[in-house]
Amino acid sequence: MAEEDIPSGEIFRNAAAFHRSYLEMEKRFRVYVYEEGEPPLIHAGPCKDIYTTEGRFIHELELDQTGFRTKDPRLAHVFFMPFSVTMIVTFLYQPHSYDLSPLQQIVSDYVRVVSAKYPFWNASQGADHFMLSCHDWGPHASRAEPQLYNNSIRVLCNANTSEGFDPQKDVSLPEINLRTGELSPQLLSSPPEPTQRRFLAFFAGGLHGPIRPLLLRHWKARDEDLQVYEYLPKDLDYYSFMLKSRFCLCPSGYEVASPRIVEAIYTECVPVIISDRYVLPFSDIFRWEKFSVAVEVSDIPRLKEILMGISEEEYERLREGVKAVKRHFVLNQPPKRFDVFHMILHSIWLRRINIRLS
């Protein structure tokens, strides 16, 4: 590995340990992908819009341009069940019915099929298997099978501990919204320097969940420094505001995950996490306090005071952290070392090597 290719800096909890485990993963880690099932519910997924991460991971792992997939299940460290909760909801959910039983039935049937055909599920009681979902209902789908819910590695965007997410065995999946399937040209250009960022902070989004109404009640159209909107007027551009702001507010909606966090990182706008019980992506590897600001929900009225209290030296340190971590949240096609595809696999690898199979 070329020295310039090795990630470093304060963003890591332990950079040396990460490098060692990453290199070990590259040499040894093998994933078996079950071939049962037919698209679009299985072996397919959305590769654009808000659930991009789900479809792209399934696509890249099955395409196998990285060498992690094995066709021999005897060589596998983990077994991937490539059903897409997003596609199941799209095709089987009856709108406004609130009936989740069809998607749970598909998941239950899939586990039943692979456990009947192969010995691997029963040998580990599902502990060396994983599912991946960026849909809000991913956790609900996993409840279809107690062993899947309790034993398996669940890779979820909705990483909320109040809904059963267990950071010891589950993986927090970054939510990435590629509206067209590709990164916007605005996000590929060189972000402005701090002196060109005229706003202290920015947010635009709907009144979802209990946190955003508090944010809008206190700050919507109240202060020129804090550009807070419910929905951005059509003549204004979302990414332009991110690029003009020093901080980007990332409050949870009904669910804890938000693509704003990754968008803020892309635009080198320091994320301000306003959430409750959200396990941030790769938080066992990254020191999020080195490139983001956490604000308690109860401190929303003091938001400007808190952000204005961050010194220029501290802000520059946070911004350098954002720049350093950016490469680890990019979806490349094909995947590149240390990008988000590899970081997801590395998180699964870490949890797999901690499993003690009976």
Protein backbone atom coordinates (compact mmCIF):
# COMPACT_ATOMS: atom_id res chain seq x y z
CA MET A 1 0.00 0.00 0.00
CA ALA A 2 1.42 3.37 -1.03
CA GLU A 3 2.03 5.66 1.94
CA GLU A 4 -0.13 8.42 0.45
CA ASP A 5 -3.01 5.94 0.20
CA ILE A 6 -3.07 5.25 3.94
CA PRO A 7 -5.72 7.27 5.81
CA SER A 8 -4.46 9.09 8.87
CA GLY A 9 -5.32 11.88 11.25
CA GLU A 10 -7.30 12.60 14.37
CA ILE A 11 -10.58 11.40 12.85
CA PHE A 12 -9.67 7.81 13.84
CA ARG A 13 -10.05 6.34 17.30
CA ASN A 14 -6.96 4.25 16.58
CA ALA A 15 -5.54 4.73 13.08
CA ALA A 16 -2.93 1.97 13.41
CA ALA A 17 -5.49 -0.59 14.54
CA PHE A 18 -7.81 0.41 11.69
CA HIS A 19 -5.02 -0.02 9.12
CA ARG A 20 -4.15 -3.47 10.45
CA SER A 21 -7.73 -4.72 10.47
CA TYR A 22 -8.43 -3.20 7.05
CA LEU A 23 -5.41 -4.92 5.49
CA GLU A 24 -6.41 -8.20 7.13
CA MET A 25 -9.91 -7.78 5.69
CA GLU A 26 -8.53 -7.23 2.19
CA LYS A 27 -6.44 -10.39 2.39
CA ARG A 28 -8.90 -12.75 4.04
CA PHE A 29 -12.51 -11.60 4.07
CA ARG A 30 -14.89 -13.55 1.83
CA VAL A 31 -18.64 -13.14 1.45
CA TYR A 32 -21.04 -15.74 0.09
CA VAL A 33 -24.10 -14.25 -1.59
CA TYR A 34 -27.14 -16.52 -1.67
CA GLU A 35 -28.40 -16.93 -5.24
CA GLU A 36 -31.97 -17.88 -4.33
CA GLY A 37 -34.75 -15.49 -5.32
CA GLU A 38 -35.57 -13.35 -8.32
CA PRO A 39 -35.31 -9.62 -9.01
CA PRO A 40 -36.68 -7.09 -8.32
CA LEU A 41 -37.39 -8.07 -4.69
CA ILE A 42 -34.09 -9.92 -4.40
CA HIS A 43 -30.76 -9.28 -6.17
CA ALA A 44 -31.83 -5.73 -7.05
CA GLY A 45 -32.34 -2.42 -5.32
CA PRO A 46 -32.66 1.32 -5.93
CA CYS A 47 -29.46 2.86 -7.28
CA LYS A 48 -30.62 6.47 -7.07
CA ASP A 49 -32.59 8.74 -4.73
CA ILE A 50 -32.71 8.38 -0.95
CA TYR A 51 -32.16 4.60 -0.77
CA THR A 52 -29.12 4.61 -3.06
CA THR A 53 -26.86 2.91 -0.51
CA GLU A 54 -29.04 -0.20 -0.40
CA GLY A 55 -29.18 -0.83 -4.14
CA ARG A 56 -25.57 0.10 -4.83
CA PHE A 57 -24.21 -2.23 -2.16
CA ILE A 58 -26.23 -5.18 -3.50
CA HIS A 59 -25.15 -4.31 -7.05
CA GLU A 60 -21.44 -3.91 -6.27
CA LEU A 61 -21.18 -7.05 -4.12
CA GLU A 62 -22.92 -9.20 -6.72
CA LEU A 63 -20.89 -7.66 -9.56
CA ASP A 64 -17.77 -8.45 -7.48
CA GLN A 65 -15.17 -6.09 -8.88
CA THR A 66 -13.39 -6.09 -5.52
CA GLY A 67 -12.73 -9.81 -4.97
CA PHE A 68 -14.63 -10.16 -1.68
CA ARG A 69 -17.30 -12.48 -3.04
CA THR A 70 -16.76 -16.24 -3.04
CA LYS A 71 -18.83 -18.81 -4.91
CA ASP A 72 -17.74 -21.50 -2.45
CA PRO A 73 -19.75 -21.18 0.78
CA ARG A 74 -17.16 -23.27 2.63
CA LEU A 75 -14.67 -20.40 2.22
CA ALA A 76 -17.07 -17.71 3.42
CA HIS A 77 -16.77 -15.77 6.65
CA VAL A 78 -20.25 -14.29 6.27
CA PHE A 79 -23.38 -15.02 4.23
CA PHE A 80 -25.33 -12.20 2.59
CA MET A 81 -29.09 -12.36 2.09
CA PRO A 82 -29.58 -9.98 -0.87
CA PHE A 83 -33.25 -9.06 -0.44
CA SER A 84 -34.12 -5.37 -0.77
CA VAL A 85 -36.59 -4.06 1.79
CA THR A 86 -37.09 -0.99 -0.38
CA MET A 87 -38.13 -3.09 -3.39
CA ILE A 88 -40.33 -5.30 -1.25
CA VAL A 89 -42.15 -2.22 0.07
CA THR A 90 -42.40 -0.77 -3.46
CA PHE A 91 -44.06 -3.85 -4.93
CA LEU A 92 -45.92 -5.46 -2.01
CA TYR A 93 -46.94 -2.76 0.44
CA GLN A 94 -50.52 -1.51 0.17
CA PRO A 95 -50.31 2.29 0.59
CA HIS A 96 -51.83 3.67 3.81
CA SER A 97 -52.61 0.16 5.09
CA TYR A 98 -49.80 0.15 7.70
CA ASP A 99 -49.75 -3.60 7.17
CA LEU A 100 -46.11 -4.75 7.30
CA SER A 101 -46.92 -8.47 7.20
CA PRO A 102 -46.24 -8.90 3.42
CA LEU A 103 -42.66 -7.66 3.71
CA GLN A 104 -42.07 -9.66 6.89
CA GLN A 105 -43.44 -12.76 5.15
CA ILE A 106 -40.94 -12.38 2.28
CA VAL A 107 -38.04 -12.07 4.72
CA SER A 108 -39.26 -15.05 6.75
CA ASP A 109 -39.68 -17.13 3.58
CA TYR A 110 -36.17 -16.24 2.42
CA VAL A 111 -34.61 -17.34 5.70
CA ARG A 112 -36.68 -20.54 5.60
CA VAL A 113 -35.50 -21.35 2.05
CA VAL A 114 -31.77 -20.82 2.65
CA SER A 115 -31.86 -22.56 6.04
CA ALA A 116 -33.56 -25.60 4.50
CA LYS A 117 -31.21 -25.78 1.50
CA TYR A 118 -27.89 -25.05 3.24
CA PRO A 119 -26.44 -25.96 6.66
CA PHE A 120 -24.93 -22.54 7.38
CA TRP A 121 -27.85 -20.68 8.95
CA ASN A 122 -28.63 -23.47 11.39
CA ALA A 123 -24.95 -24.01 12.22
CA SER A 124 -24.61 -20.45 13.54
CA GLN A 125 -28.28 -19.68 14.26
CA GLY A 126 -27.86 -16.82 11.78
CA ALA A 127 -24.96 -15.15 13.61
CA ASP A 128 -22.62 -15.16 10.58
CA HIS A 129 -25.31 -13.89 8.21
CA PHE A 130 -26.15 -10.32 7.35
CA MET A 131 -28.91 -8.28 5.75
CA LEU A 132 -28.65 -4.70 4.54
CA SER A 133 -31.40 -2.10 4.28
CA CYS A 134 -31.61 1.67 4.01
CA HIS A 135 -35.41 1.72 4.15
CA ASP A 136 -36.97 2.99 7.38
CA TRP A 137 -38.76 -0.34 7.71
CA GLY A 138 -35.59 -2.43 7.61
CA PRO A 139 -35.71 -3.03 11.40
CA HIS A 140 -39.40 -4.03 11.16
CA ALA A 141 -38.62 -6.47 8.34
CA SER A 142 -35.91 -8.11 10.44
CA ARG A 143 -38.42 -8.82 13.20
CA ALA A 144 -39.91 -11.48 10.92
CA GLU A 145 -37.32 -13.95 12.21
CA PRO A 146 -36.20 -13.84 15.88
CA GLN A 147 -32.74 -15.22 15.03
CA LEU A 148 -32.29 -12.64 12.28
CA TYR A 149 -33.29 -9.87 14.67
CA ASN A 150 -31.32 -11.11 17.67
CA ASN A 151 -28.30 -12.88 16.17
CA SER A 152 -27.57 -11.70 12.63
CA ILE A 153 -25.60 -8.64 11.59
CA ARG A 154 -28.19 -6.08 10.50
CA VAL A 155 -26.73 -3.28 8.35
CA LEU A 156 -29.28 -0.49 8.71
CA CYS A 157 -29.64 3.20 7.92
CA ASN A 158 -32.24 3.36 10.68
CA ALA A 159 -29.69 2.77 13.44
CA ASN A 160 -31.85 3.75 16.39
CA THR A 161 -31.09 2.02 19.70
CA SER A 162 -34.64 2.72 20.89
CA GLU A 163 -35.84 0.44 18.07
CA GLY A 164 -33.52 -2.44 18.88
CA PHE A 165 -30.36 -1.46 16.99
CA ASP A 166 -27.43 -3.14 18.75
CA PRO A 167 -24.07 -1.45 17.92
CA GLN A 168 -22.19 -4.52 19.21
CA LYS A 169 -23.50 -6.67 16.34
CA ASP A 170 -25.33 -4.33 13.93
CA VAL A 171 -23.84 -1.81 11.48
CA SER A 172 -24.99 1.79 11.03
CA LEU A 173 -25.32 2.37 7.27
CA PRO A 174 -24.76 5.88 5.87
CA GLU A 175 -27.80 7.24 4.05
CA ILE A 176 -26.74 8.68 0.69
CA ASN A 177 -29.16 10.43 -1.64
CA LEU A 178 -27.89 10.38 -5.23
CA ARG A 179 -30.88 12.00 -6.91
CA THR A 180 -29.89 10.90 -10.41
CA GLY A 181 -27.67 7.98 -9.48
CA GLU A 182 -24.56 10.16 -9.78
CA LEU A 183 -22.99 12.79 -7.55
CA SER A 184 -24.19 16.29 -8.41
CA PRO A 185 -21.54 18.38 -10.23
CA GLN A 186 -21.87 20.86 -7.34
CA LEU A 187 -20.62 18.18 -4.95
CA LEU A 188 -17.72 17.27 -7.23
CA SER A 189 -16.38 20.82 -7.46
CA SER A 190 -13.92 22.26 -4.95
CA PRO A 191 -15.91 23.51 -1.93
CA PRO A 192 -15.52 27.19 -0.96
CA GLU A 193 -13.12 28.31 1.75
CA PRO A 194 -14.56 29.50 5.10
CA THR A 195 -14.20 33.16 4.10
CA GLN A 196 -16.65 32.52 1.23
CA ARG A 197 -19.29 30.96 3.49
CA ARG A 198 -21.63 33.79 4.39
CA PHE A 199 -24.11 31.87 6.58
CA LEU A 200 -23.44 30.44 10.02
CA ALA A 201 -25.79 27.48 9.52
CA PHE A 202 -28.40 26.05 7.14
CA PHE A 203 -31.34 23.65 7.25
CA ALA A 204 -34.29 22.97 4.97
CA GLY A 205 -36.69 20.08 5.49
CA GLY A 206 -40.18 18.96 6.40
CA LEU A 207 -41.78 18.79 9.83
CA HIS A 208 -41.02 15.11 10.37
CA GLY A 209 -40.71 13.71 13.87
CA PRO A 210 -40.47 15.54 17.22
CA ILE A 211 -37.14 17.38 16.72
CA ARG A 212 -37.66 19.43 13.56
CA PRO A 213 -40.78 21.27 14.80
CA LEU A 214 -38.68 22.54 17.72
CA LEU A 215 -35.93 23.66 15.37
CA LEU A 216 -38.32 25.50 13.05
CA ARG A 217 -40.29 27.03 15.92
CA HIS A 218 -37.14 28.63 17.32
CA TRP A 219 -35.21 29.48 14.17
CA LYS A 220 -37.33 29.52 11.01
CA ALA A 221 -37.02 33.00 9.45
CA ARG A 222 -35.72 34.35 12.77
CA ASP A 223 -32.08 35.10 12.06
CA GLU A 224 -30.15 35.94 8.90
CA ASP A 225 -27.15 33.95 10.15
CA LEU A 226 -29.20 30.78 10.56
CA GLN A 227 -30.90 29.99 7.28
CA VAL A 228 -33.68 27.68 8.48
CA TYR A 229 -36.51 26.73 6.11
CA GLU A 230 -39.33 24.22 6.21
CA TYR A 231 -39.20 23.63 2.49
CA LEU A 232 -36.78 25.55 0.33
CA PRO A 233 -38.53 27.76 -2.26
CA LYS A 234 -38.20 26.37 -5.78
CA ASP A 235 -36.08 29.30 -6.96
CA LEU A 236 -33.40 28.50 -4.34
CA ASP A 237 -30.83 25.70 -4.59
CA TYR A 238 -30.27 23.29 -1.69
CA TYR A 239 -26.62 22.44 -2.33
CA SER A 240 -25.76 26.11 -2.90
CA PHE A 241 -26.88 26.89 0.64
CA MET A 242 -24.73 24.04 2.00
CA LEU A 243 -21.74 25.37 0.09
CA LYS A 244 -22.35 28.87 1.51
CA SER A 245 -22.71 27.72 5.13
CA ARG A 246 -20.13 26.97 7.81
CA PHE A 247 -22.37 24.49 9.62
CA CYS A 248 -25.16 22.25 8.26
CA LEU A 249 -27.93 21.31 10.68
CA CYS A 250 -28.81 17.59 10.61
CA PRO A 251 -31.86 17.00 12.83
CA SER A 252 -33.52 13.60 12.82
CA GLY A 253 -36.97 13.20 11.29
CA TYR A 254 -39.35 10.37 12.15
CA GLU A 255 -36.33 8.11 11.79
CA VAL A 256 -32.85 8.98 12.98
CA ALA A 257 -30.84 8.71 9.76
CA SER A 258 -30.52 11.62 7.36
CA PRO A 259 -28.74 12.01 4.01
CA ARG A 260 -27.90 15.56 5.13
CA ILE A 261 -24.99 14.23 7.16
CA VAL A 262 -23.22 12.80 4.11
CA GLU A 263 -24.22 15.80 1.95
CA ALA A 264 -22.70 18.10 4.57
CA ILE A 265 -19.48 16.09 4.45
CA TYR A 266 -19.41 16.26 0.64
CA THR A 267 -19.77 20.06 0.75
CA GLU A 268 -17.25 20.38 3.62
CA CYS A 269 -19.95 21.99 5.72
CA VAL A 270 -19.46 20.86 9.35
CA PRO A 271 -22.43 18.61 10.31
CA VAL A 272 -24.40 19.56 13.41
CA ILE A 273 -26.02 16.36 14.69
CA ILE A 274 -29.32 16.95 16.50
CA SER A 275 -30.64 13.52 17.30
CA ASP A 276 -31.61 11.10 20.02
CA ARG A 277 -30.26 7.53 20.26
CA TYR A 278 -28.76 7.53 16.75
CA VAL A 279 -25.63 5.43 16.34
CA LEU A 280 -23.53 7.34 13.79
CA PRO A 281 -21.98 5.38 10.88
CA PHE A 282 -18.56 3.84 11.55
CA SER A 283 -18.52 5.32 15.05
CA ASP A 284 -16.38 2.42 16.29
CA ILE A 285 -13.68 3.68 13.88
CA PHE A 286 -14.21 7.44 13.64
CA ARG A 287 -14.12 10.08 16.34
CA TRP A 288 -17.14 12.05 15.16
CA GLU A 289 -16.37 14.86 17.58
CA LYS A 290 -13.35 15.66 15.38
CA PHE A 291 -15.47 16.57 12.35
CA SER A 292 -18.98 17.29 13.60
CA VAL A 293 -20.85 19.06 16.39
CA ALA A 294 -23.41 17.28 18.58
CA VAL A 295 -26.22 19.42 19.97
CA GLU A 296 -28.76 18.14 22.48
CA VAL A 297 -32.41 18.55 21.54
CA SER A 298 -32.91 20.60 24.71
CA ASP A 299 -30.22 23.03 23.49
CA ILE A 300 -31.97 23.97 20.23
CA PRO A 301 -32.92 27.42 21.65
CA ARG A 302 -29.18 28.01 22.27
CA LEU A 303 -28.12 26.84 18.82
CA LYS A 304 -26.65 30.15 17.62
CA GLU A 305 -24.88 30.71 20.93
CA ILE A 306 -23.31 27.25 20.73
CA LEU A 307 -22.11 27.64 17.14
CA MET A 308 -20.88 31.19 17.66
CA GLY A 309 -18.96 29.91 20.70
CA ILE A 310 -16.81 27.65 18.49
CA SER A 311 -13.52 29.48 17.96
CA GLU A 312 -12.06 30.00 14.50
CA GLU A 313 -9.22 27.63 15.40
CA GLU A 314 -11.67 24.92 16.49
CA TYR A 315 -13.85 25.45 13.41
CA GLU A 316 -10.83 25.07 11.14
CA ARG A 317 -9.92 21.84 12.94
CA LEU A 318 -13.45 20.50 12.42
CA ARG A 319 -13.39 21.47 8.75
CA GLU A 320 -10.06 19.72 8.25
CA GLY A 321 -11.63 16.64 9.86
CA VAL A 322 -14.54 16.82 7.39
CA LYS A 323 -12.09 17.00 4.49
CA ALA A 324 -10.16 14.01 5.84
CA VAL A 325 -13.25 11.82 6.33
CA LYS A 326 -14.91 12.65 3.02
CA ARG A 327 -13.23 9.86 1.02
CA HIS A 328 -14.76 7.28 3.36
CA PHE A 329 -18.33 8.32 2.49
CA VAL A 330 -18.03 8.42 -1.31
CA LEU A 331 -19.78 5.82 -3.49
CA ASN A 332 -17.37 5.01 -6.31
CA GLN A 333 -18.15 2.92 -9.35
CA PRO A 334 -16.24 0.64 -9.29
CA PRO A 335 -15.46 0.81 -5.57
CA LYS A 336 -12.08 2.19 -4.44
CA ARG A 337 -10.05 1.34 -1.34
CA PHE A 338 -11.31 3.00 1.84
CA ASP A 339 -14.51 4.31 0.22
CA VAL A 340 -17.96 3.77 1.71
CA PHE A 341 -18.42 0.32 0.15
CA HIS A 342 -15.20 -0.87 1.76
CA MET A 343 -16.01 0.85 5.06
CA ILE A 344 -19.34 -1.02 5.21
CA LEU A 345 -17.57 -4.32 4.54
CA HIS A 346 -14.95 -3.46 7.16
CA SER A 347 -17.69 -2.85 9.75
CA ILE A 348 -19.19 -6.26 8.92
CA TRP A 349 -15.73 -7.83 9.11
CA LEU A 350 -15.14 -6.38 12.59
CA ARG A 351 -18.41 -7.81 13.85
CA ARG A 352 -17.78 -11.18 12.24
CA ILE A 353 -14.41 -11.66 13.88
CA ASN A 354 -16.04 -10.93 17.25
CA ILE A 355 -18.65 -13.67 16.78
CA ARG A 356 -18.11 -16.82 18.81
CA LEU A 357 -19.97 -19.56 17.00
CA SER A 358 -21.25 -22.42 19.12
